[in-house]
Protein backbone atom coordinates (compact mmCIF):
# COMPACT_ATOMS: atom_id res chain seq x y z
CA MET A 1 -0.15 -0.17 0.08
CA ALA A 2 2.77 2.24 0.70
CA VAL A 3 4.16 1.72 -2.91
CA LEU A 4 0.81 2.24 -4.33
CA ASN A 5 0.41 5.64 -2.57
CA ALA A 6 3.81 6.58 -3.56
CA ARG A 7 2.91 6.09 -7.20
CA LEU A 8 -0.25 7.80 -7.05
CA ASP A 9 1.59 10.89 -5.24
CA GLU A 10 4.08 10.47 -8.24
CA SER A 11 1.26 10.74 -11.05
CA PHE A 12 -0.57 13.75 -9.36
CA ASP A 13 2.68 15.53 -9.31
CA VAL A 14 3.22 14.99 -12.88
CA LEU A 15 -0.12 16.34 -13.79
CA ARG A 16 0.36 19.35 -11.74
CA GLY A 17 3.50 20.05 -13.39
CA SER A 18 2.16 19.61 -16.85
CA TYR A 19 -1.16 21.67 -16.59
CA ALA A 20 -1.24 24.20 -19.37
CA VAL A 21 -3.29 27.47 -19.88
CA THR A 22 -5.07 28.26 -23.16
CA GLY A 23 -3.06 30.08 -25.63
CA GLY A 24 -5.32 33.03 -26.29
CA GLY A 25 -8.82 33.02 -27.49
CA GLY A 26 -10.10 35.08 -24.55
CA ASP A 27 -12.11 32.29 -22.86
CA GLY A 28 -9.49 31.61 -19.88
CA GLY A 29 -8.99 28.29 -18.62
CA GLY A 30 -6.81 25.31 -19.17
CA GLY A 31 -5.89 21.74 -19.06
CA TRP A 32 -4.09 19.26 -20.58
CA TYR A 33 -3.04 17.42 -23.77
CA HIS A 34 -2.92 13.83 -24.36
CA ASP A 35 0.84 13.90 -25.17
CA LEU A 36 1.87 15.30 -21.77
CA THR A 37 5.00 17.03 -23.46
CA ARG A 38 2.71 19.24 -25.48
CA PRO A 39 1.35 22.71 -24.28
CA GLU A 40 -1.95 23.20 -25.80
CA PRO A 41 -4.80 21.69 -23.80
CA GLY A 42 -7.16 19.57 -25.10
CA THR A 43 -10.73 18.58 -24.14
CA THR A 44 -10.80 14.78 -23.46
CA ALA A 45 -7.33 15.08 -21.56
CA THR A 46 -8.60 17.84 -19.65
CA ALA A 47 -11.70 15.87 -18.36
CA LEU A 48 -9.34 13.04 -17.28
CA GLY A 49 -7.02 15.14 -15.77
CA LEU A 50 -9.84 16.85 -13.52
CA LEU A 51 -11.40 13.49 -12.98
CA ALA A 52 -8.27 11.81 -11.58
CA PHE A 53 -8.28 14.58 -8.63
CA SER A 54 -11.96 14.05 -8.24
CA GLU A 55 -11.70 10.31 -8.02
CA ALA A 56 -9.05 10.38 -5.72
CA GLY A 57 -10.70 13.18 -3.48
CA ARG A 58 -7.48 15.35 -3.87
CA PRO A 59 -7.93 19.19 -4.49
CA PHE A 60 -6.42 20.87 -7.35
CA GLU A 61 -5.82 24.58 -7.62
CA HIS A 62 -7.05 24.90 -11.34
CA PHE A 63 -10.25 22.88 -11.00
CA ASP A 64 -12.35 25.95 -11.68
CA GLU A 65 -10.03 27.01 -14.55
CA GLY A 66 -10.31 23.71 -16.26
CA LEU A 67 -13.84 23.42 -15.91
CA ALA A 68 -14.18 26.72 -17.81
CA TYR A 69 -12.26 25.40 -20.37
CA LEU A 70 -14.55 22.53 -21.11
CA ALA A 71 -17.60 24.75 -20.86
CA ALA A 72 -16.22 27.23 -23.59
CA ARG A 73 -15.81 23.96 -25.93
CA GLN A 74 -19.11 22.53 -25.51
CA THR A 75 -20.95 22.98 -28.99
CA ALA A 76 -23.94 24.90 -29.38
CA SER A 77 -25.71 24.51 -32.48
CA GLY A 78 -29.27 24.13 -33.58
CA ASP A 79 -28.34 20.64 -35.06
CA LEU A 80 -29.76 18.48 -32.38
CA LEU A 81 -27.13 15.63 -33.32
CA ARG A 82 -24.33 18.08 -32.55
CA ASP A 83 -25.44 20.52 -29.85
CA GLY A 84 -24.01 19.54 -26.57
CA GLY A 85 -21.22 17.39 -27.44
CA TRP A 86 -17.63 17.89 -27.91
CA ALA A 87 -15.16 17.50 -30.56
CA THR A 88 -11.82 16.28 -30.60
CA LYS A 89 -8.74 18.08 -32.82
CA THR A 90 -9.03 15.39 -35.31
CA SER A 91 -12.75 15.35 -35.72
CA LEU A 92 -13.16 18.42 -38.02
CA GLY A 93 -14.79 20.38 -35.55
CA MET A 94 -17.87 17.55 -35.16
CA PRO A 95 -18.72 16.44 -31.52
CA VAL A 96 -17.91 12.74 -30.98
CA VAL A 97 -18.35 9.84 -28.56
CA GLU A 98 -14.79 9.40 -27.82
CA ALA A 99 -14.64 13.18 -26.24
CA THR A 100 -18.46 13.46 -25.05
CA ALA A 101 -18.60 10.21 -23.40
CA TRP A 102 -15.28 11.05 -21.11
CA ILE A 103 -16.56 14.62 -20.38
CA ALA A 104 -20.05 13.68 -19.31
CA ARG A 105 -18.82 10.98 -17.41
CA PHE A 106 -16.48 13.26 -15.54
CA LEU A 107 -19.13 15.83 -15.18
CA ALA A 108 -21.32 13.45 -13.28
CA ARG A 109 -18.85 11.71 -11.20
CA ALA A 110 -17.36 15.01 -9.67
CA ARG A 111 -21.03 16.13 -9.14
CA CYS A 112 -20.63 19.26 -11.37
CA ASP A 113 -24.50 19.49 -12.79
CA LEU A 114 -25.32 22.25 -10.31
CA ARG A 115 -22.50 24.45 -10.98
CA GLU A 116 -23.14 27.56 -12.94
CA ASP A 117 -19.98 27.83 -14.54
CA ALA A 118 -19.61 23.96 -15.79
CA PRO A 119 -20.74 22.68 -19.12
CA ASP A 120 -24.23 21.78 -19.66
CA VAL A 121 -24.37 18.01 -18.30
CA ARG A 122 -28.04 17.88 -19.57
CA ARG A 123 -27.29 18.69 -23.06
CA ALA A 124 -24.17 16.46 -22.87
CA TYR A 125 -26.62 13.55 -21.72
CA ARG A 126 -29.21 14.06 -24.43
CA TRP A 127 -26.46 14.07 -27.08
CA LEU A 128 -25.49 10.59 -26.07
CA LEU A 129 -28.96 9.55 -26.34
CA ARG A 130 -29.48 11.05 -29.82
CA ASN A 131 -26.18 9.54 -31.20
CA GLN A 132 -26.92 6.06 -30.09
CA ASN A 133 -27.18 3.77 -33.21
CA PRO A 134 -30.57 1.58 -33.69
CA ASP A 135 -28.68 -1.45 -32.85
CA GLY A 136 -28.27 -0.31 -29.49
CA GLY A 137 -24.69 0.30 -29.85
CA TRP A 138 -22.56 3.56 -30.38
CA GLY A 139 -20.08 4.69 -32.94
CA SER A 140 -18.29 7.93 -33.12
CA LEU A 141 -21.52 9.61 -33.98
CA LEU A 142 -24.87 8.32 -35.39
CA GLY A 143 -24.76 6.10 -38.38
CA CYS A 144 -21.11 5.14 -37.75
CA GLU A 145 -20.44 1.50 -37.03
CA SER A 146 -21.05 0.64 -33.25
CA ARG A 147 -17.87 -0.35 -31.89
CA VAL A 148 -17.23 -2.08 -28.23
CA TRP A 149 -14.87 0.54 -27.12
CA LEU A 150 -17.41 3.39 -27.70
CA THR A 151 -20.23 1.62 -26.78
CA CYS A 152 -18.43 1.17 -23.29
CA LEU A 153 -17.49 4.70 -23.21
CA ALA A 154 -21.17 5.73 -23.66
CA LEU A 155 -22.51 3.42 -21.33
CA ARG A 156 -20.09 4.06 -18.45
CA ALA A 157 -21.13 7.64 -18.78
CA LEU A 158 -24.87 7.36 -18.91
CA THR A 159 -24.57 4.94 -16.10
CA GLN A 160 -23.48 7.93 -13.91
CA LEU A 161 -25.92 10.04 -15.45
CA ASN A 162 -29.02 8.18 -15.38
CA PRO A 163 -28.65 4.40 -15.30
CA TYR A 164 -32.46 3.79 -15.90
CA ASP A 165 -32.59 5.09 -19.15
CA PRO A 166 -33.59 2.51 -21.61
CA ALA A 167 -30.40 3.39 -23.79
CA VAL A 168 -28.44 1.89 -21.00
CA GLU A 169 -30.35 -1.28 -21.62
CA ARG A 170 -30.48 -1.05 -25.32
CA GLY A 171 -26.35 -0.50 -25.22
CA VAL A 172 -26.05 -3.82 -22.61
CA GLU A 173 -28.02 -5.70 -25.04
CA TRP A 174 -25.82 -4.73 -27.82
CA LEU A 175 -22.85 -5.69 -25.90
CA THR A 176 -24.07 -9.31 -24.72
CA ALA A 177 -26.35 -10.03 -27.55
CA ASP A 178 -23.77 -12.47 -29.42
CA ARG A 179 -21.89 -13.75 -26.64
CA THR A 180 -21.99 -17.26 -25.48
CA ALA A 181 -19.91 -19.21 -23.06
CA GLN A 182 -17.90 -20.80 -26.35
CA ARG A 183 -17.50 -17.07 -27.37
CA PRO A 184 -16.87 -14.97 -24.27
CA GLY A 185 -14.68 -12.18 -25.26
CA TRP A 186 -14.85 -9.01 -27.31
CA GLY A 187 -12.91 -7.40 -29.87
CA PRO A 188 -13.04 -3.87 -31.32
CA THR A 189 -16.20 -4.78 -33.26
CA SER A 190 -18.89 -7.12 -32.14
CA SER A 191 -17.61 -10.09 -34.74
CA ALA A 192 -13.95 -9.30 -34.36
CA ALA A 193 -11.55 -11.70 -32.60
CA PRO A 194 -11.29 -11.22 -29.06
CA THR A 195 -8.79 -9.13 -27.28
CA VAL A 196 -7.68 -8.66 -23.69
CA THR A 197 -8.42 -4.94 -23.69
CA HIS A 198 -11.82 -5.01 -24.82
CA THR A 199 -12.97 -8.15 -23.10
CA ALA A 200 -11.72 -6.18 -19.50
CA PHE A 201 -13.24 -3.00 -20.68
CA ALA A 202 -16.47 -4.79 -21.37
CA LEU A 203 -16.43 -6.50 -18.07
CA VAL A 204 -15.90 -3.23 -16.32
CA THR A 205 -18.84 -1.85 -17.90
CA LEU A 206 -21.09 -4.55 -17.47
CA ALA A 207 -20.18 -4.36 -13.68
CA GLU A 208 -21.08 -0.70 -13.50
CA ALA A 209 -24.25 -1.08 -15.62
CA ARG A 210 -25.50 -3.69 -14.15
CA PRO A 211 -24.28 -4.25 -10.51
CA GLY A 212 -24.50 -7.88 -9.07
CA TYR A 213 -25.34 -9.13 -12.53
CA GLN A 214 -23.91 -12.51 -13.37
CA ASP A 215 -24.44 -15.64 -15.77
CA GLU A 216 -22.87 -18.17 -17.48
CA ARG A 217 -21.66 -15.73 -20.20
CA LEU A 218 -20.13 -13.24 -17.65
CA LEU A 219 -18.12 -15.81 -15.67
CA ALA A 220 -16.78 -17.36 -19.03
CA ALA A 221 -15.70 -13.95 -20.21
CA HIS A 222 -13.76 -13.54 -16.71
CA ASP A 223 -12.50 -17.16 -17.26
CA TRP A 224 -11.34 -16.16 -20.85
CA LEU A 225 -9.66 -13.25 -19.56
CA ARG A 226 -7.64 -14.93 -16.75
CA GLU A 227 -6.52 -17.43 -19.42
CA ASN A 228 -5.26 -15.19 -21.83
CA LEU A 229 -3.92 -11.95 -19.73
CA ASP A 230 -0.08 -11.88 -19.33
CA PRO A 231 0.30 -10.10 -15.84
CA ASP A 232 3.92 -9.35 -16.61
CA ASP A 233 3.06 -7.52 -20.03
CA ASP A 234 2.42 -3.35 -19.85
CA HIS A 235 2.29 -2.89 -23.47
CA SER A 236 0.32 -0.55 -25.29
CA TRP A 237 -1.17 -0.46 -28.79
CA ILE A 238 -3.48 1.68 -30.84
CA GLU A 239 -6.77 0.95 -32.35
CA THR A 240 -7.47 3.02 -35.35
CA TYR A 241 -10.48 3.46 -37.84
CA ASP A 242 -12.17 5.85 -40.40
CA VAL A 243 -15.22 7.87 -39.49
CA SER A 244 -17.67 8.97 -41.81
CA PRO A 245 -20.30 11.36 -40.53
CA HIS A 246 -22.54 11.00 -43.48
CA GLY A 247 -22.63 7.35 -43.71
CA THR A 248 -20.23 4.64 -45.12
CA GLY A 249 -18.05 5.83 -48.08
CA ALA A 250 -19.47 9.79 -47.89
CA LYS A 251 -16.92 12.41 -47.36
CA PRO A 252 -15.50 13.92 -45.25
CA VAL A 253 -13.83 11.23 -43.92
CA TRP A 254 -11.28 11.21 -40.70
CA ARG A 255 -9.32 8.70 -39.21
CA LEU A 256 -9.52 8.49 -35.20
CA ALA A 257 -7.00 6.43 -32.81
CA LEU A 258 -7.16 4.93 -29.44
CA TRP A 259 -4.77 4.33 -27.16
CA HIS A 260 -5.06 0.94 -25.18
CA HIS A 261 -3.42 -0.22 -22.10
CA GLY A 262 -4.47 -3.49 -21.23
CA LEU A 263 -2.91 -4.50 -18.04
CA PRO A 264 -4.83 -1.90 -15.98
CA VAL A 265 -8.23 -2.17 -17.60
CA ALA A 266 -7.83 -6.03 -16.93
CA LEU A 267 -6.97 -5.74 -13.29
CA MET A 268 -9.84 -3.53 -12.77
CA ALA A 269 -11.97 -6.14 -14.67
CA MET A 270 -10.35 -8.83 -12.41
CA LEU A 271 -11.27 -6.85 -9.11
CA ARG A 272 -15.04 -7.17 -10.30
CA ASP A 273 -15.02 -11.15 -10.78
CA PRO A 274 -18.44 -12.12 -9.18
CA ARG A 275 -16.49 -14.93 -7.56
CA GLY A 276 -13.84 -13.23 -6.17
CA ALA A 277 -10.51 -11.52 -7.46
CA PRO A 278 -8.09 -13.85 -8.56
CA GLY A 279 -5.24 -12.84 -5.76
CA PRO A 280 -2.16 -14.28 -7.80
CA ALA A 281 -2.94 -12.62 -10.87
CA VAL A 282 -3.85 -9.36 -9.28
CA ALA A 283 -0.53 -9.19 -7.20
CA ARG A 284 1.63 -9.97 -10.50
CA ALA A 285 -0.55 -7.12 -12.47
CA PHE A 286 0.06 -4.72 -9.33
CA ALA A 287 3.60 -5.45 -9.22
CA THR A 288 3.96 -4.65 -13.27
CA LEU A 289 2.26 -1.32 -12.83
CA VAL A 290 4.20 0.11 -10.15
CA ARG A 291 7.71 -1.36 -11.61
CA GLY A 292 8.86 2.48 -12.53
CA LYS A 293 9.03 5.60 -10.62
CA VAL A 294 6.43 8.20 -12.50
CA THR A 295 8.70 11.42 -11.86
CA THR A 296 7.96 13.72 -15.50
CA PRO A 297 5.90 13.56 -18.53
CA ARG A 298 8.67 11.63 -20.15
CA TRP A 299 8.62 8.92 -17.20
CA ASN A 300 9.17 6.18 -19.69
CA GLY A 301 9.45 7.07 -23.48
CA TYR A 302 9.53 9.70 -25.86
CA PRO A 303 7.06 11.88 -27.57
CA GLY A 304 4.41 9.92 -29.71
CA SER A 305 5.50 6.55 -27.92
CA GLY A 306 2.36 6.37 -25.52
CA ARG A 307 4.58 6.75 -22.50
CA THR A 308 4.42 10.61 -22.33
CA SER A 309 0.60 10.02 -23.02
CA LEU A 310 -1.92 10.87 -20.42
CA TRP A 311 -3.96 7.91 -21.19
CA THR A 312 -1.11 5.71 -20.01
CA LEU A 313 -1.25 7.67 -16.94
CA TRP A 314 -4.62 7.89 -16.72
CA TRP A 315 -5.26 3.95 -16.89
CA ARG A 316 -2.46 3.38 -14.18
CA MET A 317 -4.00 5.88 -11.90
CA GLU A 318 -7.66 4.62 -12.14
CA ALA A 319 -6.67 0.99 -11.66
CA LEU A 320 -4.52 1.90 -8.62
CA MET A 321 -7.60 3.91 -7.13
CA GLU A 322 -9.57 0.79 -7.79
CA LEU A 323 -7.39 -1.44 -5.87
CA SER A 324 -7.06 0.77 -2.73
CA ARG A 325 -10.67 0.96 -2.17
CA VAL A 326 -12.32 -1.99 -3.61
CA PRO A 327 -13.79 -4.33 -0.81
CA LEU A 328 -12.13 -7.46 -0.73
CA THR A 329 -15.19 -9.53 0.36
CA SER A 330 -18.42 -10.25 -1.07
CA THR A 331 -21.83 -11.19 0.32
CA ARG A 332 -21.40 -14.96 1.17
CA ASP A 333 -17.53 -15.08 1.69
CA VAL A 334 -16.24 -16.42 5.32
CA LEU A 335 -13.92 -14.11 7.32
CA HIS A 336 -11.28 -15.92 9.65
CA TRP A 337 -10.58 -13.06 12.30
CA LEU A 338 -6.81 -14.04 13.78
CA PRO A 339 -4.66 -11.68 16.02
CA ASP A 340 -2.53 -10.29 13.37
CA ALA A 341 -4.35 -11.30 10.01
CA THR A 342 -7.80 -11.83 8.58
CA ILE A 343 -8.21 -14.68 6.02
CA VAL A 344 -11.06 -14.16 3.81
CA GLN A 345 -12.58 -17.58 2.37
CA ARG A 346 -14.31 -17.48 -0.82
CA ASP A 347 -18.10 -18.66 -0.98
CA HIS A 348 -17.33 -21.28 -3.55
CA ALA A 349 -14.75 -22.76 -1.31
CA ARG A 350 -16.47 -22.31 1.97
CA ASP A 351 -17.02 -26.30 2.79
CA ARG A 352 -12.98 -27.03 2.34
CA PRO A 353 -11.00 -27.09 5.40
CA LEU A 354 -8.57 -24.04 5.75
CA PRO A 355 -5.38 -25.77 5.38
CA ALA A 356 -6.60 -27.13 2.04
CA LEU A 357 -6.75 -23.71 0.70
CA LEU A 358 -2.87 -23.26 1.43
CA PRO A 359 -0.27 -23.19 -1.71
CA ALA A 360 0.75 -26.52 -1.74
CA PRO A 361 4.74 -27.14 -1.42
CA PRO A 362 6.54 -27.79 -4.89
CA ARG A 363 6.60 -31.15 -5.93
CA ILE A 364 10.37 -32.56 -7.04
CA ASP A 365 10.55 -33.50 -10.54
CA VAL A 366 12.50 -36.55 -10.36
CA ARG A 367 12.55 -36.90 -14.22
CA ALA A 368 14.22 -33.12 -14.54
CA LEU A 369 16.56 -34.11 -11.65
CA PHE A 370 18.04 -37.32 -13.11
CA LYS A 371 18.26 -35.69 -16.66
CA ARG A 372 20.47 -32.77 -15.15
CA HIS A 373 22.51 -35.01 -12.74
CA TRP A 374 22.86 -38.17 -14.11
CA THR A 375 26.72 -38.50 -14.20
CA VAL A 376 26.78 -37.83 -10.55
CA LEU A 377 24.28 -40.56 -10.02
CA VAL A 378 26.59 -42.78 -11.83
CA LEU A 379 29.38 -42.12 -10.23
CA VAL A 380 27.84 -42.58 -6.77
CA LEU A 381 26.35 -45.99 -7.84
CA VAL A 382 30.06 -46.90 -8.58
CA ALA A 383 31.40 -45.88 -5.35
CA VAL A 384 28.42 -47.76 -3.45
CA GLY A 385 29.07 -50.79 -5.57
CA SER A 386 32.84 -50.87 -4.81
CA LEU A 387 32.23 -50.18 -1.37
CA GLY A 388 30.11 -53.56 -1.42
CA GLY A 389 33.06 -55.14 -2.92
CA VAL A 390 35.37 -54.35 -0.18
CA ALA A 391 32.79 -55.33 2.47
CA THR A 392 32.36 -58.88 0.86
CA GLY A 393 36.22 -59.15 0.46
CA VAL A 394 36.09 -59.30 -3.24
CA TRP A 395 39.23 -56.37 -3.20
CA GLY A 396 40.85 -54.52 -0.74
CA TRP A 397 40.95 -50.94 0.49
CA LYS A 398 43.76 -50.14 -1.60
CA ASP A 399 41.96 -51.19 -4.93
CA PHE A 400 38.91 -49.31 -3.97
CA TRP A 401 40.90 -45.96 -3.41
CA LEU A 402 43.21 -46.51 -6.69
CA SER A 403 40.76 -47.47 -9.01
CA VAL A 404 37.65 -45.54 -7.78
CA ILE A 405 38.15 -42.80 -5.59
CA LEU A 406 41.20 -41.35 -7.03
CA PRO A 407 39.93 -41.58 -10.55
CA ILE A 408 36.69 -39.54 -9.57
CA VAL A 409 38.47 -36.86 -7.56
CA LEU A 410 41.19 -36.42 -10.46
CA THR A 411 38.14 -36.21 -12.80
CA THR A 412 36.21 -33.69 -11.00
CA THR A 413 39.14 -31.44 -10.57
CA HIS A 414 40.06 -31.55 -14.13
CA GLU A 415 36.24 -30.69 -15.03
CA ALA A 416 36.56 -27.87 -12.28
CA MET A 417 40.01 -26.32 -13.95
CA LYS A 418 38.26 -26.41 -17.59
CA ARG A 419 35.47 -24.33 -16.26
CA ARG A 420 37.66 -21.76 -14.53
CA ARG A 421 39.72 -21.48 -17.57
CA PRO A 422 39.37 -18.27 -19.89
CA PRO A 423 38.42 -19.16 -23.50
CA PRO A 424 40.81 -19.01 -26.05
CA ALA A 425 41.47 -16.25 -28.23
CA PRO A 426 40.21 -16.40 -31.85
CA ALA A 427 42.62 -17.20 -34.41
CA ALA A 428 44.55 -14.22 -36.28
CA GLN A 429 42.85 -13.94 -39.63
CA PRO A 430 45.55 -13.42 -42.59
CA PRO A 431 45.22 -10.14 -44.40
CA GLN A 432 42.89 -9.78 -47.00
CA ARG A 433 44.16 -9.04 -50.43
CA THR A 434 42.12 -5.92 -52.04
CA SER A 435 42.05 -4.46 -55.59
CA VAL A 436 41.44 -0.95 -56.26
């Protein structure tokens, strides 16, 4: 826990140090850009930075300025499909789910709906409802292909704004409609091959949208995640796709990119497993996430590598904050209160004796041991057999020492000296003839 809090402190120091004010425009305010080494702020990154302080319950001296920046960039339009949303720097000024969902979630989580200087959260809420596709999912905006990541973003925002809206149920149905115990994971789209990142994000979303919900498909998805997750792998990757606001193939078309960091999202998903968090996998994932210090925006890379991105910092921070406050027990677990420790026995194992739940000692692999040390075993057998000959009078002690022990000692000494001897220098190569 000390390491966890130290990493969070370092991360918040980086956020404070990389905050930037807007360059002109007269609207004041400030925030962050997703690449923390760049000075100009962006809407989504600003919402993420403010959300981090809000989730941790830490004061931030520029909170009001960041809120003003978001309010100034909320789209006002007579077009109901555009009014109330936020655009990204690459969406040609059109509001998209990639920005609007994050900002709406921040406003709901930070309880900014009653502040007069805050963005209009009701208009943002209506924007998300109007841009839901007829199939129940979300693309970047209405009419774009429904994508798993964007549907999860919208559902996480709506769950905070109004979890009882029918749009939430339609979105959950879109996420779970074609999932089975044999096909439990999620990919970038409903028909794509599953990935750890999308499966974990879908499980996190479903846990928020349907608290306490579980069926065989959900448990199968958690099992798939455990089997396919490498807790030592902290890699990131980019999901890119084309966006056409007027339907497939129509212009204008732009390309959007999403940074994905699978390990922290997977950690959050494992903490929400209805059967209890898998302790060993959580511990290894935690050890990977806190492996390096976070001291500057360039804490583990160069601009454009993803390691200077606010997304890298955010997902890591959210996972650590979830880990610091998640309840370790569920409703039917058994608690064993000891003087200096508390043991949690999971519901599914409550009938097993406590000693049976402890890790078993490692077993000795006889075949591997014999394969590695067979020569030593042969020499020992020869020595034992020769001692048997001495005991039965077949030969005397002098023959035993000269014919068995002395050769063994000399051979062992010779092999030890060979290992200590430096390797021979490579032979000199004859000079090569060259022609001009």
